[in-house]
Amino acid sequence: MAPHALSWVSVSMIIFMVSSSCVAARSARAPKISDPTSGFTAVSLDPSNFELQRPYDEASDARYSFDGTVRKLWVLYSDKPHARQSNTMPRTEIKMSGYDYSSGVWQFEGYGYVPSGTSGVCIMQVFGASEAASTLMLHVYDGALRYYNRQLVEDNIYNRWFKLNVVHDVEASKLTVYIDGEEKLHVNGRGSNTHYFKFGVYAQRHDSNRMESHWKDVRILKKH
């Protein structure tokens, strides 16, 4: 055997070590996926809990559709607000009615979809705050999901279904956002005695001509 030749055992050991290093590297890069609903119980929902808010001069089916599985909500930048006396931006949102809360740990879960071109819009919010209307808003700007218009929550959000979980611990005044089971945001609350969940499209700054989001399998859960 040549003096520099490697034995079969040596080659096998090298292959094993390289393979193990690659697996370890992949494991280190892999996101930590969890089940945010562990320890929670889903509340009972019926159609009355899904309260639609849309431009006051438009019929419901002009800005909303539901085929029994997917809810589609859209609004135009030129639309009227949801109430004649309101001076807020246009919206087509669903308020989760009947489950306002002021204590405990609550969670919103749903699968969302945002078509490309939708921008400058809130697609989900936790309503209620001491010095503002909401304690958490998730905005979409040019394909990125953001906490209000600030830090990035998830990039490349367009044209794909994603699972959204938002956990609100009222006493701790903390909110945690998960995308597809991965924790993406952990922020402080903003006060207030009463909160509820909303989802859909609510125009913000630099809104696109048309804003749209789709939702399915929406649930509200409460910690045991």
C-alpha atoms as a PDB file:
ATOM      1  CA  MET A   1       0.000   0.000   0.000  1.00  0.00           C
ATOM      2  CA  ALA A   2       1.313   3.473  -0.869  1.00  0.00           C
ATOM      3  CA  PRO A   3       2.664   5.362   2.170  1.00  0.00           C
ATOM      4  CA  HIS A   4       0.054   8.144   1.840  1.00  0.00           C
ATOM      5  CA  ALA A   5      -2.915   5.910   1.003  1.00  0.00           C
ATOM      6  CA  LEU A   6      -5.841   5.987   3.427  1.00  0.00           C
ATOM      7  CA  SER A   7      -7.308   2.811   4.776  1.00  0.00           C
ATOM      8  CA  TRP A   8     -11.005   2.011   4.313  1.00  0.00           C
ATOM      9  CA  VAL A   9     -11.524   2.634   8.051  1.00  0.00           C
ATOM     10  CA  SER A  10      -9.873   6.071   7.830  1.00  0.00           C
ATOM     11  CA  VAL A  11     -11.986   7.079   4.831  1.00  0.00           C
ATOM     12  CA  SER A  12     -15.140   5.906   6.593  1.00  0.00           C
ATOM     13  CA  MET A  13     -14.257   7.947   9.675  1.00  0.00           C
ATOM     14  CA  ILE A  14     -13.694  11.085   7.589  1.00  0.00           C
ATOM     15  CA  ILE A  15     -17.034  10.640   5.795  1.00  0.00           C
ATOM     16  CA  PHE A  16     -18.813  10.122   9.117  1.00  0.00           C
ATOM     17  CA  MET A  17     -17.232  13.232  10.676  1.00  0.00           C
ATOM     18  CA  VAL A  18     -18.074  15.418   7.668  1.00  0.00           C
ATOM     19  CA  SER A  19     -21.652  14.103   7.559  1.00  0.00           C
ATOM     20  CA  SER A  20     -22.097  14.692  11.289  1.00  0.00           C
ATOM     21  CA  SER A  21     -20.790  18.249  10.950  1.00  0.00           C
ATOM     22  CA  CYS A  22     -23.247  18.964   8.111  1.00  0.00           C
ATOM     23  CA  VAL A  23     -26.182  17.586  10.108  1.00  0.00           C
ATOM     24  CA  ALA A  24     -25.182  19.658  13.144  1.00  0.00           C
ATOM     25  CA  ALA A  25     -24.891  22.781  11.008  1.00  0.00           C
ATOM     26  CA  ARG A  26     -28.315  22.209   9.491  1.00  0.00           C
ATOM     27  CA  SER A  27     -29.808  21.615  12.938  1.00  0.00           C
ATOM     28  CA  ALA A  28     -28.291  24.843  14.240  1.00  0.00           C
ATOM     29  CA  ARG A  29     -29.844  26.778  11.368  1.00  0.00           C
ATOM     30  CA  ALA A  30     -33.262  25.126  11.574  1.00  0.00           C
ATOM     31  CA  PRO A  31     -35.970  27.311  13.123  1.00  0.00           C
ATOM     32  CA  LYS A  32     -37.437  26.262  16.445  1.00  0.00           C
ATOM     33  CA  ILE A  33     -40.992  25.175  15.671  1.00  0.00           C
ATOM     34  CA  SER A  34     -43.480  24.849  18.512  1.00  0.00           C
ATOM     35  CA  ASP A  35     -47.204  24.566  19.113  1.00  0.00           C
ATOM     36  CA  PRO A  36     -48.326  27.917  20.530  1.00  0.00           C
ATOM     37  CA  THR A  37     -51.756  26.450  21.357  1.00  0.00           C
ATOM     38  CA  SER A  38     -50.417  23.936  23.899  1.00  0.00           C
ATOM     39  CA  GLY A  39     -52.181  24.577  27.216  1.00  0.00           C
ATOM     40  CA  PHE A  40     -54.987  26.565  25.523  1.00  0.00           C
ATOM     41  CA  THR A  41     -58.601  25.641  24.855  1.00  0.00           C
ATOM     42  CA  ALA A  42     -60.533  26.893  21.823  1.00  0.00           C
ATOM     43  CA  VAL A  43     -63.725  28.804  22.582  1.00  0.00           C
ATOM     44  CA  SER A  44     -66.977  28.093  20.765  1.00  0.00           C
ATOM     45  CA  LEU A  45     -67.548  30.252  17.663  1.00  0.00           C
ATOM     46  CA  ASP A  46     -70.580  30.651  15.404  1.00  0.00           C
ATOM     47  CA  PRO A  47     -71.398  33.114  12.584  1.00  0.00           C
ATOM     48  CA  SER A  48     -72.530  35.775  15.070  1.00  0.00           C
ATOM     49  CA  ASN A  49     -68.985  36.018  16.423  1.00  0.00           C
ATOM     50  CA  PHE A  50     -67.663  37.157  13.014  1.00  0.00           C
ATOM     51  CA  GLU A  51     -68.870  40.766  12.890  1.00  0.00           C
ATOM     52  CA  LEU A  52     -68.130  42.358   9.512  1.00  0.00           C
ATOM     53  CA  GLN A  53     -67.107  46.015   9.244  1.00  0.00           C
ATOM     54  CA  ARG A  54     -66.950  47.422   5.699  1.00  0.00           C
ATOM     55  CA  PRO A  55     -67.374  50.824   3.953  1.00  0.00           C
ATOM     56  CA  TYR A  56     -70.742  52.117   5.102  1.00  0.00           C
ATOM     57  CA  ASP A  57     -72.012  52.776   1.576  1.00  0.00           C
ATOM     58  CA  GLU A  58     -71.125  49.323   0.199  1.00  0.00           C
ATOM     59  CA  ALA A  59     -73.063  46.075   0.433  1.00  0.00           C
ATOM     60  CA  SER A  60     -71.356  43.254   2.297  1.00  0.00           C
ATOM     61  CA  ASP A  61     -70.794  41.164  -0.839  1.00  0.00           C
ATOM     62  CA  ALA A  62     -69.108  44.122  -2.556  1.00  0.00           C
ATOM     63  CA  ARG A  63     -66.159  43.868  -0.169  1.00  0.00           C
ATOM     64  CA  TYR A  64     -66.415  40.399   1.394  1.00  0.00           C
ATOM     65  CA  SER A  65     -66.989  36.778   0.446  1.00  0.00           C
ATOM     66  CA  PHE A  66     -67.111  33.509   2.381  1.00  0.00           C
ATOM     67  CA  ASP A  67     -67.407  30.124   0.684  1.00  0.00           C
ATOM     68  CA  GLY A  68     -67.673  28.166   3.916  1.00  0.00           C
ATOM     69  CA  THR A  69     -63.906  27.787   4.207  1.00  0.00           C
ATOM     70  CA  VAL A  70     -62.085  30.923   3.036  1.00  0.00           C
ATOM     71  CA  ARG A  71     -63.051  34.480   3.951  1.00  0.00           C
ATOM     72  CA  LYS A  72     -61.901  37.088   1.424  1.00  0.00           C
ATOM     73  CA  LEU A  73     -61.871  40.734   2.462  1.00  0.00           C
ATOM     74  CA  TRP A  74     -60.889  43.653   0.260  1.00  0.00           C
ATOM     75  CA  VAL A  75     -61.091  47.449   0.294  1.00  0.00           C
ATOM     76  CA  LEU A  76     -60.140  50.309  -2.026  1.00  0.00           C
ATOM     77  CA  TYR A  77     -58.056  53.303  -1.010  1.00  0.00           C
ATOM     78  CA  SER A  78     -60.924  55.560  -2.144  1.00  0.00           C
ATOM     79  CA  ASP A  79     -63.574  53.803  -0.021  1.00  0.00           C
ATOM     80  CA  LYS A  80     -65.551  55.420   2.780  1.00  0.00           C
ATOM     81  CA  PRO A  81     -64.904  54.470   6.423  1.00  0.00           C
ATOM     82  CA  HIS A  82     -66.954  51.750   8.136  1.00  0.00           C
ATOM     83  CA  ALA A  83     -69.316  54.246   9.771  1.00  0.00           C
ATOM     84  CA  ARG A  84     -70.687  57.529   8.487  1.00  0.00           C
ATOM     85  CA  GLN A  85     -69.521  59.444  11.554  1.00  0.00           C
ATOM     86  CA  SER A  86     -66.021  57.898  11.508  1.00  0.00           C
ATOM     87  CA  ASN A  87     -62.937  59.719  10.248  1.00  0.00           C
ATOM     88  CA  THR A  88     -60.789  56.582  10.088  1.00  0.00           C
ATOM     89  CA  MET A  89     -59.231  55.039   6.985  1.00  0.00           C
ATOM     90  CA  PRO A  90     -61.148  52.553   4.793  1.00  0.00           C
ATOM     91  CA  ARG A  91     -61.439  49.024   6.110  1.00  0.00           C
ATOM     92  CA  THR A  92     -63.070  45.676   5.577  1.00  0.00           C
ATOM     93  CA  GLU A  93     -62.415  43.838   8.817  1.00  0.00           C
ATOM     94  CA  ILE A  94     -63.971  41.168  10.941  1.00  0.00           C
ATOM     95  CA  LYS A  95     -64.267  41.935  14.623  1.00  0.00           C
ATOM     96  CA  MET A  96     -64.284  38.804  16.753  1.00  0.00           C
ATOM     97  CA  SER A  97     -67.379  39.698  18.728  1.00  0.00           C
ATOM     98  CA  GLY A  98     -68.537  38.180  22.000  1.00  0.00           C
ATOM     99  CA  TYR A  99     -65.077  37.514  23.393  1.00  0.00           C
ATOM    100  CA  ASP A 100     -63.834  40.873  24.631  1.00  0.00           C
ATOM    101  CA  TYR A 101     -61.335  40.238  27.407  1.00  0.00           C
ATOM    102  CA  SER A 102     -59.619  42.184  30.182  1.00  0.00           C
ATOM    103  CA  SER A 103     -57.643  39.461  31.957  1.00  0.00           C
ATOM    104  CA  GLY A 104     -56.063  36.069  31.359  1.00  0.00           C
ATOM    105  CA  VAL A 105     -54.054  34.789  28.395  1.00  0.00           C
ATOM    106  CA  TRP A 106     -55.830  34.771  25.030  1.00  0.00           C
ATOM    107  CA  GLN A 107     -54.814  33.704  21.569  1.00  0.00           C
ATOM    108  CA  PHE A 108     -55.819  34.362  17.974  1.00  0.00           C
ATOM    109  CA  GLU A 109     -55.077  31.662  15.412  1.00  0.00           C
ATOM    110  CA  GLY A 110     -55.744  31.686  11.689  1.00  0.00           C
ATOM    111  CA  TYR A 111     -54.277  30.980   8.280  1.00  0.00           C
ATOM    112  CA  GLY A 112     -53.726  34.158   6.280  1.00  0.00           C
ATOM    113  CA  TYR A 113     -52.966  34.924   2.645  1.00  0.00           C
ATOM    114  CA  VAL A 114     -52.021  38.309   1.158  1.00  0.00           C
ATOM    115  CA  PRO A 115     -52.079  38.754  -2.641  1.00  0.00           C
ATOM    116  CA  SER A 116     -49.149  40.597  -4.217  1.00  0.00           C
ATOM    117  CA  GLY A 117     -49.753  44.321  -4.655  1.00  0.00           C
ATOM    118  CA  THR A 118     -51.490  44.743  -1.293  1.00  0.00           C
ATOM    119  CA  SER A 119     -49.489  47.260   0.733  1.00  0.00           C
ATOM    120  CA  GLY A 120     -49.867  49.924   3.401  1.00  0.00           C
ATOM    121  CA  VAL A 121     -52.479  47.930   5.291  1.00  0.00           C
ATOM    122  CA  CYS A 122     -53.137  46.302   8.655  1.00  0.00           C
ATOM    123  CA  ILE A 123     -54.250  42.673   8.293  1.00  0.00           C
ATOM    124  CA  MET A 124     -54.655  41.781  11.977  1.00  0.00           C
ATOM    125  CA  GLN A 125     -54.880  43.704  15.220  1.00  0.00           C
ATOM    126  CA  VAL A 126     -55.445  43.377  18.940  1.00  0.00           C
ATOM    127  CA  PHE A 127     -57.769  46.255  19.679  1.00  0.00           C
ATOM    128  CA  GLY A 128     -57.571  48.309  22.863  1.00  0.00           C
ATOM    129  CA  ALA A 129     -54.790  50.447  24.332  1.00  0.00           C
ATOM    130  CA  SER A 130     -54.397  53.256  26.864  1.00  0.00           C
ATOM    131  CA  GLU A 131     -53.124  55.957  24.526  1.00  0.00           C
ATOM    132  CA  ALA A 132     -53.999  54.514  21.118  1.00  0.00           C
ATOM    133  CA  ALA A 133     -56.670  52.357  19.484  1.00  0.00           C
ATOM    134  CA  SER A 134     -54.671  49.111  19.388  1.00  0.00           C
ATOM    135  CA  THR A 135     -52.153  47.236  21.480  1.00  0.00           C
ATOM    136  CA  LEU A 136     -50.792  45.359  18.446  1.00  0.00           C
ATOM    137  CA  MET A 137     -51.096  45.763  14.682  1.00  0.00           C
ATOM    138  CA  LEU A 138     -49.574  43.670  11.914  1.00  0.00           C
ATOM    139  CA  HIS A 139     -49.022  45.719   8.763  1.00  0.00           C
ATOM    140  CA  VAL A 140     -48.019  44.654   5.257  1.00  0.00           C
ATOM    141  CA  TYR A 141     -45.615  46.850   3.290  1.00  0.00           C
ATOM    142  CA  ASP A 142     -44.286  45.672  -0.077  1.00  0.00           C
ATOM    143  CA  GLY A 143     -44.533  42.007   0.825  1.00  0.00           C
ATOM    144  CA  ALA A 144     -43.168  42.272   4.372  1.00  0.00           C
ATOM    145  CA  LEU A 145     -45.223  41.739   7.529  1.00  0.00           C
ATOM    146  CA  ARG A 146     -44.311  44.289  10.207  1.00  0.00           C
ATOM    147  CA  TYR A 147     -45.180  45.268  13.763  1.00  0.00           C
ATOM    148  CA  TYR A 148     -47.030  48.488  12.919  1.00  0.00           C
ATOM    149  CA  ASN A 149     -44.681  50.203  10.424  1.00  0.00           C
ATOM    150  CA  ARG A 150     -41.622  49.227  12.457  1.00  0.00           C
ATOM    151  CA  GLN A 151     -39.721  45.987  12.935  1.00  0.00           C
ATOM    152  CA  LEU A 152     -39.927  43.088  10.529  1.00  0.00           C
ATOM    153  CA  VAL A 153     -42.028  40.096  11.591  1.00  0.00           C
ATOM    154  CA  GLU A 154     -41.917  38.013   8.394  1.00  0.00           C
ATOM    155  CA  ASP A 155     -40.519  38.705   4.932  1.00  0.00           C
ATOM    156  CA  ASN A 156     -41.903  37.482   1.599  1.00  0.00           C
ATOM    157  CA  ILE A 157     -45.473  37.243   2.813  1.00  0.00           C
ATOM    158  CA  TYR A 158     -47.158  37.533  -0.597  1.00  0.00           C
ATOM    159  CA  ASN A 159     -49.073  34.746  -2.352  1.00  0.00           C
ATOM    160  CA  ARG A 160     -48.687  32.019   0.251  1.00  0.00           C
ATOM    161  CA  TRP A 161     -50.712  30.678   3.135  1.00  0.00           C
ATOM    162  CA  PHE A 162     -49.103  31.238   6.528  1.00  0.00           C
ATOM    163  CA  LYS A 163     -50.273  30.231   9.969  1.00  0.00           C
ATOM    164  CA  LEU A 164     -50.555  33.164  12.374  1.00  0.00           C
ATOM    165  CA  ASN A 165     -50.769  32.843  16.150  1.00  0.00           C
ATOM    166  CA  VAL A 166     -50.933  35.906  18.400  1.00  0.00           C
ATOM    167  CA  VAL A 167     -50.771  35.307  22.159  1.00  0.00           C
ATOM    168  CA  HIS A 168     -51.753  38.114  24.550  1.00  0.00           C
ATOM    169  CA  ASP A 169     -50.910  37.775  28.245  1.00  0.00           C
ATOM    170  CA  VAL A 170     -52.915  40.631  29.756  1.00  0.00           C
ATOM    171  CA  GLU A 171     -51.503  40.598  33.305  1.00  0.00           C
ATOM    172  CA  ALA A 172     -47.899  40.405  32.051  1.00  0.00           C
ATOM    173  CA  SER A 173     -48.704  42.950  29.303  1.00  0.00           C
ATOM    174  CA  LYS A 174     -46.859  40.854  26.715  1.00  0.00           C
ATOM    175  CA  LEU A 175     -47.740  39.797  23.179  1.00  0.00           C
ATOM    176  CA  THR A 176     -46.046  37.073  21.157  1.00  0.00           C
ATOM    177  CA  VAL A 177     -46.471  36.502  17.423  1.00  0.00           C
ATOM    178  CA  TYR A 178     -45.777  33.157  15.723  1.00  0.00           C
ATOM    179  CA  ILE A 179     -45.596  32.492  11.989  1.00  0.00           C
ATOM    180  CA  ASP A 180     -45.907  28.812  11.047  1.00  0.00           C
ATOM    181  CA  GLY A 181     -45.105  27.828  14.622  1.00  0.00           C
ATOM    182  CA  GLU A 182     -41.926  29.929  14.853  1.00  0.00           C
ATOM    183  CA  GLU A 183     -41.768  32.806  17.329  1.00  0.00           C
ATOM    184  CA  LYS A 184     -41.202  36.008  15.367  1.00  0.00           C
ATOM    185  CA  LEU A 185     -42.079  38.847  17.742  1.00  0.00           C
ATOM    186  CA  HIS A 186     -42.310  39.432  21.493  1.00  0.00           C
ATOM    187  CA  VAL A 187     -43.396  42.930  22.571  1.00  0.00           C
ATOM    188  CA  ASN A 188     -44.930  44.806  25.478  1.00  0.00           C
ATOM    189  CA  GLY A 189     -48.624  45.602  25.562  1.00  0.00           C
ATOM    190  CA  ARG A 190     -49.951  49.153  25.472  1.00  0.00           C
ATOM    191  CA  GLY A 191     -52.463  49.181  28.305  1.00  0.00           C
ATOM    192  CA  SER A 192     -56.280  49.381  28.295  1.00  0.00           C
ATOM    193  CA  ASN A 193     -58.892  47.415  30.203  1.00  0.00           C
ATOM    194  CA  THR A 194     -60.630  45.722  27.260  1.00  0.00           C
ATOM    195  CA  HIS A 195     -59.328  43.985  24.140  1.00  0.00           C
ATOM    196  CA  TYR A 196     -60.601  41.988  21.184  1.00  0.00           C
ATOM    197  CA  PHE A 197     -59.188  40.533  17.954  1.00  0.00           C
ATOM    198  CA  LYS A 198     -59.750  41.801  14.403  1.00  0.00           C
ATOM    199  CA  PHE A 199     -58.545  40.636  10.994  1.00  0.00           C
ATOM    200  CA  GLY A 200     -59.012  41.678   7.368  1.00  0.00           C
ATOM    201  CA  VAL A 201     -57.734  44.838   5.683  1.00  0.00           C
ATOM    202  CA  TYR A 202     -57.528  48.294   7.269  1.00  0.00           C
ATOM    203  CA  ALA A 203     -55.749  50.968   5.223  1.00  0.00           C
ATOM    204  CA  GLN A 204     -52.701  52.682   6.724  1.00  0.00           C
ATOM    205  CA  ARG A 205     -50.156  55.135   5.299  1.00  0.00           C
ATOM    206  CA  HIS A 206     -49.045  54.696   1.691  1.00  0.00           C
ATOM    207  CA  ASP A 207     -51.906  52.303   1.011  1.00  0.00           C
ATOM    208  CA  SER A 208     -52.191  50.573  -2.347  1.00  0.00           C
ATOM    209  CA  ASN A 209     -55.172  51.102  -4.647  1.00  0.00           C
ATOM    210  CA  ARG A 210     -56.663  47.784  -3.582  1.00  0.00           C
ATOM    211  CA  MET A 211     -55.941  45.904  -0.366  1.00  0.00           C
ATOM    212  CA  GLU A 212     -56.960  42.282   0.158  1.00  0.00           C
ATOM    213  CA  SER A 213     -56.407  39.396   2.550  1.00  0.00           C
ATOM    214  CA  HIS A 214     -57.835  35.871   2.808  1.00  0.00           C
ATOM    215  CA  TRP A 215     -58.404  33.889   6.004  1.00  0.00           C
ATOM    216  CA  LYS A 216     -59.414  30.378   7.012  1.00  0.00           C
ATOM    217  CA  ASP A 217     -59.600  28.219  10.158  1.00  0.00           C
ATOM    218  CA  VAL A 218     -59.793  31.238  12.456  1.00  0.00           C
ATOM    219  CA  ARG A 219     -59.954  30.347  16.155  1.00  0.00           C
ATOM    220  CA  ILE A 220     -59.853  32.082  19.519  1.00  0.00           C
ATOM    221  CA  LEU A 221     -58.291  30.226  22.399  1.00  0.00           C
ATOM    222  CA  LYS A 222     -57.934  30.847  26.126  1.00  0.00           C
ATOM    223  CA  LYS A 223     -55.270  29.466  28.437  1.00  0.00           C
ATOM    224  CA  HIS A 224     -56.473  26.916  30.980  1.00  0.00           C
END
